[in-house]
């Protein structure tokens, strides 16, 4: 009996810790209860104070959806389940990719950029470039699309979508982003600050129509990426696919030709082009990997099998492509 009580207490403590971690209030409570002004105004302190912000906005979005009568549990159920699974796996599999990459690449940096006001500006453009590279690879390389597709499976846009990720996507993203930033000589503190800003804005732009119907932000839309831009990114409309890879400042999207505004006469149709049940956790979380394994098994030739890993999603070897039917052949 005593053992059961102990186990129940441990389970309660773990559950409470996870809830506080998910909402961001765990860090907030620790910082405020410390009563230490130096800690409160430190980098960790500021992070702790802002940590609950996205959860609060998420709750406001849900309340707004309920008031308007548009709230549906199925629109947030699978993304939240993805987050829970990732938290559980994260407890048993330690992925210290950021630290390992920083230690690996730091000696190779040709120069260093220290923490300063101009260093922050440089760091943000470098980080946004690194994010663009990771994000582009996640869409245009099949093996990496398997890691990123979970995030694009939801058929409804809201803040819960920011929780929908495959567990191995974060290590992949950190390897690319932290690797590029470290090679560019950014001070670790700069990387932490700009990645925090980028993460906060990157979560916010998933806000849905229930809270921000238009998703636009007046004149700011000319200079930054708004929820309207990110709705384009999550849409499977042909005009919108593989667009707006940046998070906040679209300079790299404009430079590389992937910038796209939301068109008034072309409403976004969310999800991925492959047939999928967006309310089925297995389908959302694992099916892209299953499809890749199946295609590798059914594709002849070692070279073609390897190409399947690195070519864009939907690519098939030339010898397996269906010949185009001309209008004359169709008539005959």
C-alpha atoms as a PDB file:
ATOM      1  CA  UNK A   1       0.000   0.000   0.000  1.00  0.00           C
ATOM      2  CA  UNK A   2       2.803   2.357   0.887  1.00  0.00           C
ATOM      3  CA  UNK A   3       4.432   1.621  -2.484  1.00  0.00           C
ATOM      4  CA  UNK A   4       1.210   2.508  -4.315  1.00  0.00           C
ATOM      5  CA  UNK A   5       0.961   5.788  -2.402  1.00  0.00           C
ATOM      6  CA  UNK A   6       4.567   6.623  -3.302  1.00  0.00           C
ATOM      7  CA  UNK A   7       3.969   5.816  -6.981  1.00  0.00           C
ATOM      8  CA  UNK A   8       0.783   7.871  -6.988  1.00  0.00           C
ATOM      9  CA  UNK A   9       2.633  10.825  -5.457  1.00  0.00           C
ATOM     10  CA  UNK A  10       5.424  10.555  -8.030  1.00  0.00           C
ATOM     11  CA  UNK A  11       2.889  10.365 -10.858  1.00  0.00           C
ATOM     12  CA  UNK A  12       1.115  13.434  -9.469  1.00  0.00           C
ATOM     13  CA  UNK A  13       4.397  15.351  -9.232  1.00  0.00           C
ATOM     14  CA  UNK A  14       5.366  14.408 -12.805  1.00  0.00           C
ATOM     15  CA  UNK A  15       1.918  15.356 -14.121  1.00  0.00           C
ATOM     16  CA  UNK A  16       2.021  18.721 -12.343  1.00  0.00           C
ATOM     17  CA  UNK A  17       5.542  19.350 -13.655  1.00  0.00           C
ATOM     18  CA  UNK A  18       4.433  18.558 -17.212  1.00  0.00           C
ATOM     19  CA  UNK A  19       1.388  20.816 -16.939  1.00  0.00           C
ATOM     20  CA  UNK A  20       3.483  23.688 -15.612  1.00  0.00           C
ATOM     21  CA  UNK A  21       6.077  23.048 -18.319  1.00  0.00           C
ATOM     22  CA  UNK A  22       3.467  23.006 -21.089  1.00  0.00           C
ATOM     23  CA  UNK A  23       1.791  26.212 -19.902  1.00  0.00           C
ATOM     24  CA  UNK A  24       5.088  27.966 -19.195  1.00  0.00           C
ATOM     25  CA  UNK A  25       4.026  28.797 -15.650  1.00  0.00           C
ATOM     26  CA  UNK A  26       6.672  26.523 -14.129  1.00  0.00           C
ATOM     27  CA  UNK A  27       9.532  28.851 -15.026  1.00  0.00           C
ATOM     28  CA  UNK A  28       7.368  31.886 -14.260  1.00  0.00           C
ATOM     29  CA  UNK A  29       6.636  30.666 -10.720  1.00  0.00           C
ATOM     30  CA  UNK A  30      10.287  29.800 -10.082  1.00  0.00           C
ATOM     31  CA  UNK A  31      11.467  33.252 -11.177  1.00  0.00           C
ATOM     32  CA  UNK A  32       8.830  35.244  -9.297  1.00  0.00           C
ATOM     33  CA  UNK A  33       9.082  33.164  -6.098  1.00  0.00           C
ATOM     34  CA  UNK A  34      12.859  33.596  -6.010  1.00  0.00           C
ATOM     35  CA  UNK A  35      12.480  37.277  -5.143  1.00  0.00           C
ATOM     36  CA  UNK A  36      15.931  37.868  -6.638  1.00  0.00           C
ATOM     37  CA  UNK A  37      15.989  41.068  -8.775  1.00  0.00           C
ATOM     38  CA  UNK A  38      19.210  39.968 -10.478  1.00  0.00           C
ATOM     39  CA  UNK A  39      17.555  36.704 -11.545  1.00  0.00           C
ATOM     40  CA  UNK A  40      14.369  38.414 -12.694  1.00  0.00           C
ATOM     41  CA  UNK A  41      16.263  40.767 -15.008  1.00  0.00           C
ATOM     42  CA  UNK A  42      18.634  38.055 -16.271  1.00  0.00           C
ATOM     43  CA  UNK A  43      18.136  36.246 -19.587  1.00  0.00           C
ATOM     44  CA  UNK A  44      16.644  33.216 -17.794  1.00  0.00           C
ATOM     45  CA  UNK A  45      14.434  35.530 -15.749  1.00  0.00           C
ATOM     46  CA  UNK A  46      13.051  37.344 -18.781  1.00  0.00           C
ATOM     47  CA  UNK A  47      12.425  34.014 -20.518  1.00  0.00           C
ATOM     48  CA  UNK A  48      10.558  32.779 -17.441  1.00  0.00           C
ATOM     49  CA  UNK A  49       8.417  35.901 -17.286  1.00  0.00           C
ATOM     50  CA  UNK A  50       7.426  35.613 -20.970  1.00  0.00           C
ATOM     51  CA  UNK A  51       7.117  31.804 -21.025  1.00  0.00           C
ATOM     52  CA  UNK A  52       3.345  31.697 -20.254  1.00  0.00           C
ATOM     53  CA  UNK A  53       2.518  34.263 -22.948  1.00  0.00           C
ATOM     54  CA  UNK A  54       1.816  31.833 -25.804  1.00  0.00           C
ATOM     55  CA  UNK A  55      -0.291  29.561 -23.588  1.00  0.00           C
ATOM     56  CA  UNK A  56      -2.379  32.566 -22.529  1.00  0.00           C
ATOM     57  CA  UNK A  57      -2.878  33.572 -26.177  1.00  0.00           C
ATOM     58  CA  UNK A  58      -3.772  29.938 -26.973  1.00  0.00           C
ATOM     59  CA  UNK A  59      -6.452  29.975 -24.238  1.00  0.00           C
ATOM     60  CA  UNK A  60      -7.797  33.299 -25.524  1.00  0.00           C
ATOM     61  CA  UNK A  61      -8.042  31.798 -29.007  1.00  0.00           C
ATOM     62  CA  UNK A  62     -10.001  28.809 -27.671  1.00  0.00           C
ATOM     63  CA  UNK A  63     -12.386  31.068 -25.738  1.00  0.00           C
ATOM     64  CA  UNK A  64     -12.890  33.238 -28.834  1.00  0.00           C
ATOM     65  CA  UNK A  65     -13.698  30.117 -30.868  1.00  0.00           C
ATOM     66  CA  UNK A  66     -16.181  28.956 -28.216  1.00  0.00           C
ATOM     67  CA  UNK A  67     -17.921  32.334 -28.108  1.00  0.00           C
ATOM     68  CA  UNK A  68     -18.241  32.366 -31.902  1.00  0.00           C
ATOM     69  CA  UNK A  69     -19.505  28.769 -31.886  1.00  0.00           C
ATOM     70  CA  UNK A  70     -16.617  27.587 -34.075  1.00  0.00           C
ATOM     71  CA  UNK A  71     -14.637  25.585 -31.506  1.00  0.00           C
ATOM     72  CA  UNK A  72     -14.108  21.917 -32.399  1.00  0.00           C
ATOM     73  CA  UNK A  73     -12.113  19.587 -30.178  1.00  0.00           C
ATOM     74  CA  UNK A  74     -10.862  17.649 -33.217  1.00  0.00           C
ATOM     75  CA  UNK A  75      -9.086  20.789 -34.465  1.00  0.00           C
ATOM     76  CA  UNK A  76      -6.661  20.723 -31.523  1.00  0.00           C
ATOM     77  CA  UNK A  77      -6.733  17.087 -30.317  1.00  0.00           C
ATOM     78  CA  UNK A  78      -4.053  15.543 -32.570  1.00  0.00           C
ATOM     79  CA  UNK A  79      -1.571  18.485 -32.374  1.00  0.00           C
ATOM     80  CA  UNK A  80      -1.755  18.390 -28.575  1.00  0.00           C
ATOM     81  CA  UNK A  81      -1.333  14.605 -28.583  1.00  0.00           C
ATOM     82  CA  UNK A  82       1.795  15.054 -30.728  1.00  0.00           C
ATOM     83  CA  UNK A  83       3.149  17.425 -28.105  1.00  0.00           C
ATOM     84  CA  UNK A  84       2.448  14.962 -25.273  1.00  0.00           C
ATOM     85  CA  UNK A  85       4.167  12.108 -27.129  1.00  0.00           C
ATOM     86  CA  UNK A  86       7.184  14.303 -27.829  1.00  0.00           C
ATOM     87  CA  UNK A  87       7.417  15.265 -24.148  1.00  0.00           C
ATOM     88  CA  UNK A  88       7.264  11.611 -23.068  1.00  0.00           C
ATOM     89  CA  UNK A  89       9.905  10.507 -25.578  1.00  0.00           C
ATOM     90  CA  UNK A  90      12.032  13.497 -24.636  1.00  0.00           C
ATOM     91  CA  UNK A  91      12.163  12.205 -21.074  1.00  0.00           C
ATOM     92  CA  UNK A  92      13.726   8.910 -22.150  1.00  0.00           C
ATOM     93  CA  UNK A  93      15.831  10.004 -25.123  1.00  0.00           C
ATOM     94  CA  UNK A  94      18.219  12.854 -24.379  1.00  0.00           C
ATOM     95  CA  UNK A  95      18.897  14.877 -27.534  1.00  0.00           C
ATOM     96  CA  UNK A  96      21.518  17.488 -26.670  1.00  0.00           C
ATOM     97  CA  UNK A  97      22.002  18.421 -30.301  1.00  0.00           C
ATOM     98  CA  UNK A  98      22.321  22.164 -29.734  1.00  0.00           C
ATOM     99  CA  UNK A  99      25.207  21.790 -27.294  1.00  0.00           C
ATOM    100  CA  UNK A 100      26.932  19.122 -29.386  1.00  0.00           C
ATOM    101  CA  UNK A 101      26.684  21.186 -32.581  1.00  0.00           C
ATOM    102  CA  UNK A 102      27.936  24.341 -30.842  1.00  0.00           C
ATOM    103  CA  UNK A 103      30.938  22.454 -29.462  1.00  0.00           C
ATOM    104  CA  UNK A 104      31.620  20.854 -32.848  1.00  0.00           C
ATOM    105  CA  UNK A 105      31.438  23.975 -35.026  1.00  0.00           C
ATOM    106  CA  UNK A 106      32.644  26.742 -32.696  1.00  0.00           C
ATOM    107  CA  UNK A 107      36.364  26.064 -33.400  1.00  0.00           C
ATOM    108  CA  UNK A 108      35.654  26.367 -37.138  1.00  0.00           C
ATOM    109  CA  UNK A 109      34.167  29.879 -36.974  1.00  0.00           C
ATOM    110  CA  UNK A 110      36.504  32.348 -38.771  1.00  0.00           C
ATOM    111  CA  UNK A 111      35.512  35.213 -36.439  1.00  0.00           C
ATOM    112  CA  UNK A 112      33.201  35.974 -33.534  1.00  0.00           C
ATOM    113  CA  UNK A 113      30.298  38.392 -33.147  1.00  0.00           C
ATOM    114  CA  UNK A 114      29.855  39.489 -29.543  1.00  0.00           C
ATOM    115  CA  UNK A 115      26.626  40.466 -27.813  1.00  0.00           C
ATOM    116  CA  UNK A 116      25.723  44.070 -28.691  1.00  0.00           C
ATOM    117  CA  UNK A 117      22.863  45.988 -30.294  1.00  0.00           C
ATOM    118  CA  UNK A 118      24.339  45.615 -33.780  1.00  0.00           C
ATOM    119  CA  UNK A 119      25.273  42.010 -32.956  1.00  0.00           C
ATOM    120  CA  UNK A 120      21.580  41.323 -32.292  1.00  0.00           C
ATOM    121  CA  UNK A 121      20.632  42.684 -35.712  1.00  0.00           C
ATOM    122  CA  UNK A 122      23.289  40.626 -37.479  1.00  0.00           C
ATOM    123  CA  UNK A 123      22.389  37.566 -35.415  1.00  0.00           C
ATOM    124  CA  UNK A 124      18.725  37.783 -36.296  1.00  0.00           C
ATOM    125  CA  UNK A 125      19.353  37.901 -40.032  1.00  0.00           C
ATOM    126  CA  UNK A 126      21.806  34.992 -39.711  1.00  0.00           C
ATOM    127  CA  UNK A 127      19.342  32.980 -37.631  1.00  0.00           C
ATOM    128  CA  UNK A 128      16.495  33.732 -40.053  1.00  0.00           C
ATOM    129  CA  UNK A 129      18.719  32.532 -42.904  1.00  0.00           C
ATOM    130  CA  UNK A 130      19.499  29.343 -40.958  1.00  0.00           C
ATOM    131  CA  UNK A 131      15.779  28.856 -40.300  1.00  0.00           C
ATOM    132  CA  UNK A 132      15.060  29.360 -44.003  1.00  0.00           C
ATOM    133  CA  UNK A 133      17.585  26.636 -44.911  1.00  0.00           C
ATOM    134  CA  UNK A 134      16.194  24.158 -42.372  1.00  0.00           C
ATOM    135  CA  UNK A 135      12.626  24.920 -43.426  1.00  0.00           C
ATOM    136  CA  UNK A 136      13.359  24.697 -47.147  1.00  0.00           C
ATOM    137  CA  UNK A 137      15.108  21.339 -46.665  1.00  0.00           C
ATOM    138  CA  UNK A 138      12.103  20.164 -44.659  1.00  0.00           C
ATOM    139  CA  UNK A 139       9.897  20.755 -47.691  1.00  0.00           C
ATOM    140  CA  UNK A 140      12.180  19.891 -50.601  1.00  0.00           C
ATOM    141  CA  UNK A 141      14.094  16.806 -49.374  1.00  0.00           C
ATOM    142  CA  UNK A 142      11.950  13.692 -48.884  1.00  0.00           C
ATOM    143  CA  UNK A 143      13.701  12.304 -45.786  1.00  0.00           C
ATOM    144  CA  UNK A 144      13.441  15.684 -44.071  1.00  0.00           C
ATOM    145  CA  UNK A 145       9.837  16.110 -45.209  1.00  0.00           C
ATOM    146  CA  UNK A 146       9.111  12.960 -43.184  1.00  0.00           C
ATOM    147  CA  UNK A 147      10.237  14.902 -40.106  1.00  0.00           C
ATOM    148  CA  UNK A 148       8.298  18.055 -40.990  1.00  0.00           C
ATOM    149  CA  UNK A 149       5.078  16.703 -42.544  1.00  0.00           C
ATOM    150  CA  UNK A 150       3.389  16.165 -39.157  1.00  0.00           C
ATOM    151  CA  UNK A 151       3.359  19.938 -38.712  1.00  0.00           C
ATOM    152  CA  UNK A 152       1.497  20.405 -42.006  1.00  0.00           C
ATOM    153  CA  UNK A 153      -1.113  17.665 -41.561  1.00  0.00           C
ATOM    154  CA  UNK A 154      -3.745  19.628 -39.565  1.00  0.00           C
ATOM    155  CA  UNK A 155      -6.637  20.726 -41.755  1.00  0.00           C
ATOM    156  CA  UNK A 156      -7.515  23.666 -39.522  1.00  0.00           C
ATOM    157  CA  UNK A 157      -5.242  26.547 -38.558  1.00  0.00           C
ATOM    158  CA  UNK A 158      -4.932  27.537 -34.901  1.00  0.00           C
ATOM    159  CA  UNK A 159      -2.235  27.890 -32.235  1.00  0.00           C
ATOM    160  CA  UNK A 160      -2.333  24.171 -31.411  1.00  0.00           C
ATOM    161  CA  UNK A 161      -0.671  23.545 -34.800  1.00  0.00           C
ATOM    162  CA  UNK A 162       2.536  24.988 -33.357  1.00  0.00           C
ATOM    163  CA  UNK A 163       2.622  21.916 -31.053  1.00  0.00           C
ATOM    164  CA  UNK A 164       2.283  19.408 -33.912  1.00  0.00           C
ATOM    165  CA  UNK A 165       5.798  18.143 -34.654  1.00  0.00           C
ATOM    166  CA  UNK A 166       7.532  14.810 -35.146  1.00  0.00           C
ATOM    167  CA  UNK A 167       9.942  14.152 -32.284  1.00  0.00           C
ATOM    168  CA  UNK A 168      13.065  14.114 -34.502  1.00  0.00           C
ATOM    169  CA  UNK A 169      12.313  17.419 -36.220  1.00  0.00           C
ATOM    170  CA  UNK A 170      13.684  19.532 -33.351  1.00  0.00           C
ATOM    171  CA  UNK A 171      17.143  17.868 -33.383  1.00  0.00           C
ATOM    172  CA  UNK A 172      17.273  18.269 -37.174  1.00  0.00           C
ATOM    173  CA  UNK A 173      16.267  21.950 -36.913  1.00  0.00           C
ATOM    174  CA  UNK A 174      18.801  22.586 -34.153  1.00  0.00           C
ATOM    175  CA  UNK A 175      21.598  20.938 -36.138  1.00  0.00           C
ATOM    176  CA  UNK A 176      20.974  23.240 -39.106  1.00  0.00           C
ATOM    177  CA  UNK A 177      20.160  26.462 -37.278  1.00  0.00           C
ATOM    178  CA  UNK A 178      22.658  26.247 -34.423  1.00  0.00           C
ATOM    179  CA  UNK A 179      25.295  24.900 -36.821  1.00  0.00           C
ATOM    180  CA  UNK A 180      25.000  27.834 -39.237  1.00  0.00           C
ATOM    181  CA  UNK A 181      24.838  30.405 -36.439  1.00  0.00           C
ATOM    182  CA  UNK A 182      27.893  28.909 -34.721  1.00  0.00           C
ATOM    183  CA  UNK A 183      29.882  28.814 -37.967  1.00  0.00           C
ATOM    184  CA  UNK A 184      28.941  32.486 -38.452  1.00  0.00           C
ATOM    185  CA  UNK A 185      30.662  33.236 -35.155  1.00  0.00           C
ATOM    186  CA  UNK A 186      27.575  34.282 -33.189  1.00  0.00           C
ATOM    187  CA  UNK A 187      28.027  34.499 -29.439  1.00  0.00           C
ATOM    188  CA  UNK A 188      25.967  31.729 -27.739  1.00  0.00           C
ATOM    189  CA  UNK A 189      23.971  34.367 -25.860  1.00  0.00           C
ATOM    190  CA  UNK A 190      23.039  35.996 -29.174  1.00  0.00           C
ATOM    191  CA  UNK A 191      21.807  32.650 -30.489  1.00  0.00           C
ATOM    192  CA  UNK A 192      19.694  32.078 -27.377  1.00  0.00           C
ATOM    193  CA  UNK A 193      18.088  35.532 -27.562  1.00  0.00           C
ATOM    194  CA  UNK A 194      17.263  35.545 -31.278  1.00  0.00           C
ATOM    195  CA  UNK A 195      16.058  31.934 -31.233  1.00  0.00           C
ATOM    196  CA  UNK A 196      13.740  32.855 -28.343  1.00  0.00           C
ATOM    197  CA  UNK A 197      12.316  35.801 -30.274  1.00  0.00           C
ATOM    198  CA  UNK A 198      11.975  33.683 -33.407  1.00  0.00           C
ATOM    199  CA  UNK A 199      10.296  30.849 -31.516  1.00  0.00           C
ATOM    200  CA  UNK A 200       7.782  33.163 -29.849  1.00  0.00           C
ATOM    201  CA  UNK A 201       6.799  34.840 -33.122  1.00  0.00           C
ATOM    202  CA  UNK A 202       6.908  31.511 -34.970  1.00  0.00           C
ATOM    203  CA  UNK A 203       4.288  30.157 -32.561  1.00  0.00           C
ATOM    204  CA  UNK A 204       2.102  33.266 -32.681  1.00  0.00           C
ATOM    205  CA  UNK A 205       1.746  33.304 -36.490  1.00  0.00           C
ATOM    206  CA  UNK A 206      -0.208  30.033 -36.269  1.00  0.00           C
ATOM    207  CA  UNK A 207      -3.123  31.932 -34.706  1.00  0.00           C
ATOM    208  CA  UNK A 208      -6.397  30.996 -36.430  1.00  0.00           C
ATOM    209  CA  UNK A 209      -9.281  32.818 -38.057  1.00  0.00           C
ATOM    210  CA  UNK A 210     -11.360  32.657 -34.858  1.00  0.00           C
ATOM    211  CA  UNK A 211      -9.037  35.139 -33.165  1.00  0.00           C
ATOM    212  CA  UNK A 212      -7.629  37.009 -36.194  1.00  0.00           C
ATOM    213  CA  UNK A 213     -10.064  36.548 -39.106  1.00  0.00           C
ATOM    214  CA  UNK A 214      -7.892  38.328 -41.670  1.00  0.00           C
ATOM    215  CA  UNK A 215      -4.526  37.492 -40.105  1.00  0.00           C
ATOM    216  CA  UNK A 216      -3.086  40.737 -41.414  1.00  0.00           C
ATOM    217  CA  UNK A 217      -1.332  43.431 -39.405  1.00  0.00           C
ATOM    218  CA  UNK A 218      -1.982  46.634 -41.366  1.00  0.00           C
ATOM    219  CA  UNK A 219       1.175  48.327 -42.689  1.00  0.00           C
ATOM    220  CA  UNK A 220       3.446  45.903 -40.818  1.00  0.00           C
ATOM    221  CA  UNK A 221       2.570  43.271 -43.416  1.00  0.00           C
ATOM    222  CA  UNK A 222       4.944  44.989 -45.842  1.00  0.00           C
ATOM    223  CA  UNK A 223       7.897  44.355 -43.574  1.00  0.00           C
ATOM    224  CA  UNK A 224       7.233  41.229 -41.492  1.00  0.00           C
ATOM    225  CA  UNK A 225       5.553  37.876 -41.891  1.00  0.00           C
ATOM    226  CA  UNK A 226       2.080  37.887 -40.335  1.00  0.00           C
ATOM    227  CA  UNK A 227      -0.408  35.083 -39.581  1.00  0.00           C
ATOM    228  CA  UNK A 228      -1.844  35.691 -43.068  1.00  0.00           C
ATOM    229  CA  UNK A 229       1.543  34.911 -44.631  1.00  0.00           C
ATOM    230  CA  UNK A 230       1.899  31.748 -42.566  1.00  0.00           C
ATOM    231  CA  UNK A 231      -1.566  30.584 -43.575  1.00  0.00           C
ATOM    232  CA  UNK A 232      -0.213  30.673 -47.102  1.00  0.00           C
ATOM    233  CA  UNK A 233       2.690  28.475 -45.990  1.00  0.00           C
ATOM    234  CA  UNK A 234       0.347  25.860 -44.501  1.00  0.00           C
ATOM    235  CA  UNK A 235      -1.963  25.782 -47.514  1.00  0.00           C
ATOM    236  CA  UNK A 236      -1.913  23.099 -50.210  1.00  0.00           C
ATOM    237  CA  UNK A 237      -3.246  25.404 -52.934  1.00  0.00           C
ATOM    238  CA  UNK A 238      -0.829  25.103 -55.886  1.00  0.00           C
ATOM    239  CA  UNK A 239      -0.047  28.844 -55.806  1.00  0.00           C
ATOM    240  CA  UNK A 240       0.787  28.696 -52.085  1.00  0.00           C
ATOM    241  CA  UNK A 241       2.872  25.525 -51.775  1.00  0.00           C
ATOM    242  CA  UNK A 242       6.506  25.877 -50.606  1.00  0.00           C
ATOM    243  CA  UNK A 243       6.206  29.596 -49.866  1.00  0.00           C
ATOM    244  CA  UNK A 244       7.099  31.855 -46.905  1.00  0.00           C
ATOM    245  CA  UNK A 245       9.781  29.761 -45.186  1.00  0.00           C
ATOM    246  CA  UNK A 246      10.954  32.581 -42.884  1.00  0.00           C
ATOM    247  CA  UNK A 247       9.368  33.294 -39.496  1.00  0.00           C
ATOM    248  CA  UNK A 248       9.491  37.049 -38.940  1.00  0.00           C
ATOM    249  CA  UNK A 249      11.492  38.997 -41.515  1.00  0.00           C
ATOM    250  CA  UNK A 250      10.871  37.766 -45.088  1.00  0.00           C
ATOM    251  CA  UNK A 251      14.157  39.030 -46.544  1.00  0.00           C
ATOM    252  CA  UNK A 252      15.337  35.538 -47.539  1.00  0.00           C
ATOM    253  CA  UNK A 253      11.952  34.603 -49.003  1.00  0.00           C
ATOM    254  CA  UNK A 254      12.036  37.722 -51.156  1.00  0.00           C
ATOM    255  CA  UNK A 255      15.642  37.058 -52.170  1.00  0.00           C
ATOM    256  CA  UNK A 256      15.051  33.411 -53.132  1.00  0.00           C
ATOM    257  CA  UNK A 257      11.635  33.934 -54.732  1.00  0.00           C
ATOM    258  CA  UNK A 258       9.514  32.099 -52.152  1.00  0.00           C
ATOM    259  CA  UNK A 259       7.591  35.104 -50.811  1.00  0.00           C
ATOM    260  CA  UNK A 260       3.833  34.976 -51.338  1.00  0.00           C
ATOM    261  CA  UNK A 261       1.024  37.151 -49.978  1.00  0.00           C
ATOM    262  CA  UNK A 262      -2.430  35.778 -49.205  1.00  0.00           C
ATOM    263  CA  UNK A 263      -4.750  36.452 -52.132  1.00  0.00           C
ATOM    264  CA  UNK A 264      -8.261  37.711 -51.405  1.00  0.00           C
ATOM    265  CA  UNK A 265      -9.786  35.405 -54.041  1.00  0.00           C
ATOM    266  CA  UNK A 266      -7.782  32.310 -53.104  1.00  0.00           C
ATOM    267  CA  UNK A 267      -8.626  31.122 -49.579  1.00  0.00           C
ATOM    268  CA  UNK A 268      -6.054  28.719 -48.066  1.00  0.00           C
ATOM    269  CA  UNK A 269      -6.911  25.024 -48.035  1.00  0.00           C
ATOM    270  CA  UNK A 270      -4.850  23.603 -45.173  1.00  0.00           C
ATOM    271  CA  UNK A 271      -3.126  20.226 -45.008  1.00  0.00           C
ATOM    272  CA  UNK A 272      -0.930  18.140 -47.298  1.00  0.00           C
ATOM    273  CA  UNK A 273      -1.686  17.011 -50.836  1.00  0.00           C
ATOM    274  CA  UNK A 274      -1.638  13.306 -50.007  1.00  0.00           C
ATOM    275  CA  UNK A 275      -4.885  11.747 -48.767  1.00  0.00           C
ATOM    276  CA  UNK A 276      -4.740  11.720 -44.969  1.00  0.00           C
ATOM    277  CA  UNK A 277      -6.998  11.581 -41.929  1.00  0.00           C
ATOM    278  CA  UNK A 278      -5.923  14.675 -40.004  1.00  0.00           C
ATOM    279  CA  UNK A 279      -7.869  13.459 -36.956  1.00  0.00           C
ATOM    280  CA  UNK A 280      -5.929  10.184 -36.773  1.00  0.00           C
ATOM    281  CA  UNK A 281      -2.775  10.419 -34.648  1.00  0.00           C
ATOM    282  CA  UNK A 282      -1.047   7.483 -36.362  1.00  0.00           C
ATOM    283  CA  UNK A 283      -1.752   8.933 -39.801  1.00  0.00           C
ATOM    284  CA  UNK A 284      -0.499  12.389 -38.836  1.00  0.00           C
ATOM    285  CA  UNK A 285       2.578  11.229 -36.916  1.00  0.00           C
ATOM    286  CA  UNK A 286       3.869   8.164 -38.756  1.00  0.00           C
ATOM    287  CA  UNK A 287       2.293   7.781 -42.209  1.00  0.00           C
ATOM    288  CA  UNK A 288       4.833   9.911 -44.106  1.00  0.00           C
ATOM    289  CA  UNK A 289       7.659   7.683 -42.844  1.00  0.00           C
ATOM    290  CA  UNK A 290       5.619   4.587 -43.723  1.00  0.00           C
ATOM    291  CA  UNK A 291       5.026   5.923 -47.236  1.00  0.00           C
ATOM    292  CA  UNK A 292       8.748   6.528 -47.749  1.00  0.00           C
ATOM    293  CA  UNK A 293       9.650   3.018 -46.574  1.00  0.00           C
ATOM    294  CA  UNK A 294       7.007   1.557 -48.881  1.00  0.00           C
ATOM    295  CA  UNK A 295       8.241   3.582 -51.859  1.00  0.00           C
ATOM    296  CA  UNK A 296      11.859   2.544 -51.237  1.00  0.00           C
ATOM    297  CA  UNK A 297      10.774  -1.100 -51.072  1.00  0.00           C
ATOM    298  CA  UNK A 298       8.771  -0.883 -54.317  1.00  0.00           C
ATOM    299  CA  UNK A 299      11.282   1.192 -56.324  1.00  0.00           C
ATOM    300  CA  UNK A 300      13.784  -0.813 -58.411  1.00  0.00           C
ATOM    301  CA  UNK A 301      17.531  -0.075 -58.342  1.00  0.00           C
ATOM    302  CA  UNK A 302      19.781   0.983 -55.475  1.00  0.00           C
ATOM    303  CA  UNK A 303      20.451   4.406 -57.028  1.00  0.00           C
ATOM    304  CA  UNK A 304      16.719   5.132 -57.291  1.00  0.00           C
ATOM    305  CA  UNK A 305      16.144   3.998 -53.718  1.00  0.00           C
ATOM    306  CA  UNK A 306      18.825   6.406 -52.493  1.00  0.00           C
ATOM    307  CA  UNK A 307      17.490   9.221 -54.657  1.00  0.00           C
ATOM    308  CA  UNK A 308      14.083   8.809 -53.038  1.00  0.00           C
ATOM    309  CA  UNK A 309      15.665   9.974 -49.786  1.00  0.00           C
ATOM    310  CA  UNK A 310      17.056  13.242 -51.133  1.00  0.00           C
ATOM    311  CA  UNK A 311      14.728  14.227 -53.977  1.00  0.00           C
ATOM    312  CA  UNK A 312      11.579  16.327 -53.362  1.00  0.00           C
ATOM    313  CA  UNK A 313       8.362  14.654 -52.151  1.00  0.00           C
ATOM    314  CA  UNK A 314       6.457  13.195 -55.093  1.00  0.00           C
ATOM    315  CA  UNK A 315       9.578  12.442 -57.139  1.00  0.00           C
ATOM    316  CA  UNK A 316       9.653   9.126 -59.029  1.00  0.00           C
ATOM    317  CA  UNK A 317      12.379   7.679 -61.288  1.00  0.00           C
ATOM    318  CA  UNK A 318      12.048   8.598 -64.955  1.00  0.00           C
ATOM    319  CA  UNK A 319      11.437   5.007 -66.021  1.00  0.00           C
ATOM    320  CA  UNK A 320       8.438   4.761 -63.695  1.00  0.00           C
ATOM    321  CA  UNK A 321       6.769   8.015 -64.684  1.00  0.00           C
ATOM    322  CA  UNK A 322       3.507   7.799 -66.567  1.00  0.00           C
ATOM    323  CA  UNK A 323       3.887   9.190 -70.106  1.00  0.00           C
ATOM    324  CA  UNK A 324       1.978  12.417 -70.662  1.00  0.00           C
ATOM    325  CA  UNK A 325      -1.158  11.930 -72.743  1.00  0.00           C
ATOM    326  CA  UNK A 326      -1.320  14.458 -75.575  1.00  0.00           C
ATOM    327  CA  UNK A 327      -4.628  15.914 -76.732  1.00  0.00           C
ATOM    328  CA  UNK A 328      -4.320  14.018 -80.039  1.00  0.00           C
ATOM    329  CA  UNK A 329      -3.698  10.685 -78.263  1.00  0.00           C
ATOM    330  CA  UNK A 330      -6.633  11.332 -75.939  1.00  0.00           C
ATOM    331  CA  UNK A 331      -8.989  11.986 -78.838  1.00  0.00           C
ATOM    332  CA  UNK A 332      -7.894   8.895 -80.698  1.00  0.00           C
END
